[in-house]
């Protein structure tokens, strides 16, 4: 799977967990893609059965991109054990140490996303 497709799935799953609908435009802004690039990503993910285009709940005129349950299950199988082990590991740190870890990870995230 293309790295941009993985980033798109993560963004869509994050939005799903937050109870937010994601239009193609919003996904494109999140990924830093133009409309043609965003359409290509969505088309690839749709062909693979990972996402589907549906009408918005709040505004039926809008088309939103939803993650298919099979993609969620695949993500759980792949990342679930790592997430569980990471959560368990973090329980061993006090609040000061967790703050330092958060600062470090936020810095890495900023460095990785600069210019995207």
Protein backbone atom coordinates (compact mmCIF):
# COMPACT_ATOMS: atom_id res chain seq x y z
CA UNK A 1 0.00 0.00 0.00
CA UNK A 2 1.26 3.47 -0.89
CA UNK A 3 2.37 5.56 2.15
CA UNK A 4 -0.14 8.29 1.24
CA UNK A 5 -2.92 5.70 1.23
CA UNK A 6 -1.91 4.60 4.73
CA UNK A 7 -1.88 8.24 5.90
CA UNK A 8 -5.34 8.70 4.38
CA UNK A 9 -6.70 5.64 6.18
CA UNK A 10 -5.23 6.84 9.48
CA UNK A 11 -6.79 10.29 8.98
CA UNK A 12 -10.15 8.72 8.14
CA UNK A 13 -10.01 6.39 11.15
CA UNK A 14 -9.07 9.30 13.42
CA UNK A 15 -12.07 11.27 12.11
CA UNK A 16 -14.31 8.25 12.59
CA UNK A 17 -13.20 7.88 16.23
CA UNK A 18 -13.94 11.58 16.74
CA UNK A 19 -17.40 11.16 15.18
CA UNK A 20 -16.52 13.52 12.31
CA UNK A 21 -17.42 13.17 8.65
CA UNK A 22 -14.63 13.61 6.12
CA UNK A 23 -15.17 15.08 2.69
CA UNK A 24 -12.61 14.65 -0.06
CA UNK A 25 -11.65 18.30 0.38
CA UNK A 26 -10.98 17.88 4.07
CA UNK A 27 -8.97 14.72 3.45
CA UNK A 28 -6.94 16.50 0.78
CA UNK A 29 -6.14 19.38 3.15
CA UNK A 30 -5.10 16.92 5.84
CA UNK A 31 -2.80 15.10 3.43
CA UNK A 32 -1.57 18.23 1.64
CA UNK A 33 -2.86 17.03 -1.73
CA UNK A 34 -4.64 18.79 -4.57
CA UNK A 35 -8.06 17.57 -5.69
CA UNK A 36 -6.68 15.26 -8.39
CA UNK A 37 -4.27 13.62 -5.95
CA UNK A 38 -7.00 13.25 -3.34
CA UNK A 39 -9.35 11.66 -5.88
CA UNK A 40 -6.61 9.22 -6.89
CA UNK A 41 -6.04 8.18 -3.26
CA UNK A 42 -9.76 7.74 -2.61
CA UNK A 43 -10.19 5.79 -5.85
CA UNK A 44 -7.34 3.41 -4.93
CA UNK A 45 -8.70 2.89 -1.41
CA UNK A 46 -12.22 2.36 -2.75
CA UNK A 47 -11.04 -0.20 -5.33
CA UNK A 48 -9.22 -2.05 -2.53
CA UNK A 49 -12.43 -2.11 -0.48
CA UNK A 50 -11.02 0.06 2.32
CA UNK A 51 -13.34 3.08 1.93
CA UNK A 52 -16.63 4.05 0.35
CA UNK A 53 -18.22 7.31 -0.73
CA UNK A 54 -21.57 7.98 0.97
CA UNK A 55 -23.97 10.88 1.51
CA UNK A 56 -23.31 13.04 4.56
CA UNK A 57 -25.49 12.59 7.63
CA UNK A 58 -25.85 16.31 8.36
CA UNK A 59 -26.00 17.44 4.74
CA UNK A 60 -27.20 14.80 2.28
CA UNK A 61 -25.86 16.90 -0.62
CA UNK A 62 -22.30 16.30 0.60
CA UNK A 63 -20.31 13.22 -0.30
CA UNK A 64 -18.15 11.94 2.53
CA UNK A 65 -15.53 9.21 2.64
CA UNK A 66 -16.06 6.44 5.18
CA UNK A 67 -13.70 3.68 6.24
CA UNK A 68 -15.09 0.23 5.56
CA UNK A 69 -15.39 -2.11 8.55
CA UNK A 70 -12.95 -4.53 6.86
CA UNK A 71 -10.27 -1.82 6.86
CA UNK A 72 -10.93 -1.13 10.55
CA UNK A 73 -10.60 -4.85 11.33
CA UNK A 74 -7.38 -5.03 9.30
CA UNK A 75 -5.97 -2.06 11.20
CA UNK A 76 -6.94 -3.62 14.51
CA UNK A 77 -5.23 -6.89 13.59
CA UNK A 78 -2.09 -5.11 12.41
CA UNK A 79 -1.76 -2.29 14.98
CA UNK A 80 -3.86 -3.55 17.90
CA UNK A 81 -1.15 -5.62 19.61
CA UNK A 82 1.40 -2.81 19.30
CA UNK A 83 -1.06 -0.24 20.65
CA UNK A 84 -1.91 -2.50 23.60
CA UNK A 85 1.75 -3.07 24.43
CA UNK A 86 2.49 0.67 24.11
CA UNK A 87 -0.36 1.61 26.46
CA UNK A 88 0.87 -0.94 28.98
CA UNK A 89 4.44 0.39 28.72
CA UNK A 90 3.28 3.98 29.29
CA UNK A 91 1.57 2.97 32.55
CA UNK A 92 5.06 2.59 34.05
CA UNK A 93 5.90 6.31 33.70
CA UNK A 94 4.97 9.13 36.06
CA UNK A 95 3.34 12.36 34.84
CA UNK A 96 6.67 14.24 34.51
CA UNK A 97 8.12 11.47 32.36
CA UNK A 98 4.93 11.26 30.29
CA UNK A 99 5.15 15.01 29.70
CA UNK A 100 8.70 14.62 28.37
CA UNK A 101 7.61 11.75 26.12
CA UNK A 102 4.69 13.86 24.78
CA UNK A 103 7.01 16.78 24.09
CA UNK A 104 9.44 14.52 22.25
CA UNK A 105 6.75 12.85 20.13
CA UNK A 106 5.14 16.20 19.30
CA UNK A 107 8.56 17.46 18.16
CA UNK A 108 9.08 14.39 15.99
CA UNK A 109 5.60 14.87 14.51
CA UNK A 110 6.32 18.53 13.71
CA UNK A 111 9.65 17.61 12.12
CA UNK A 112 8.03 14.86 10.04
CA UNK A 113 5.20 17.06 8.80
CA UNK A 114 7.11 20.26 8.01
CA UNK A 115 6.61 21.18 4.40
CA UNK A 116 3.86 18.63 3.76
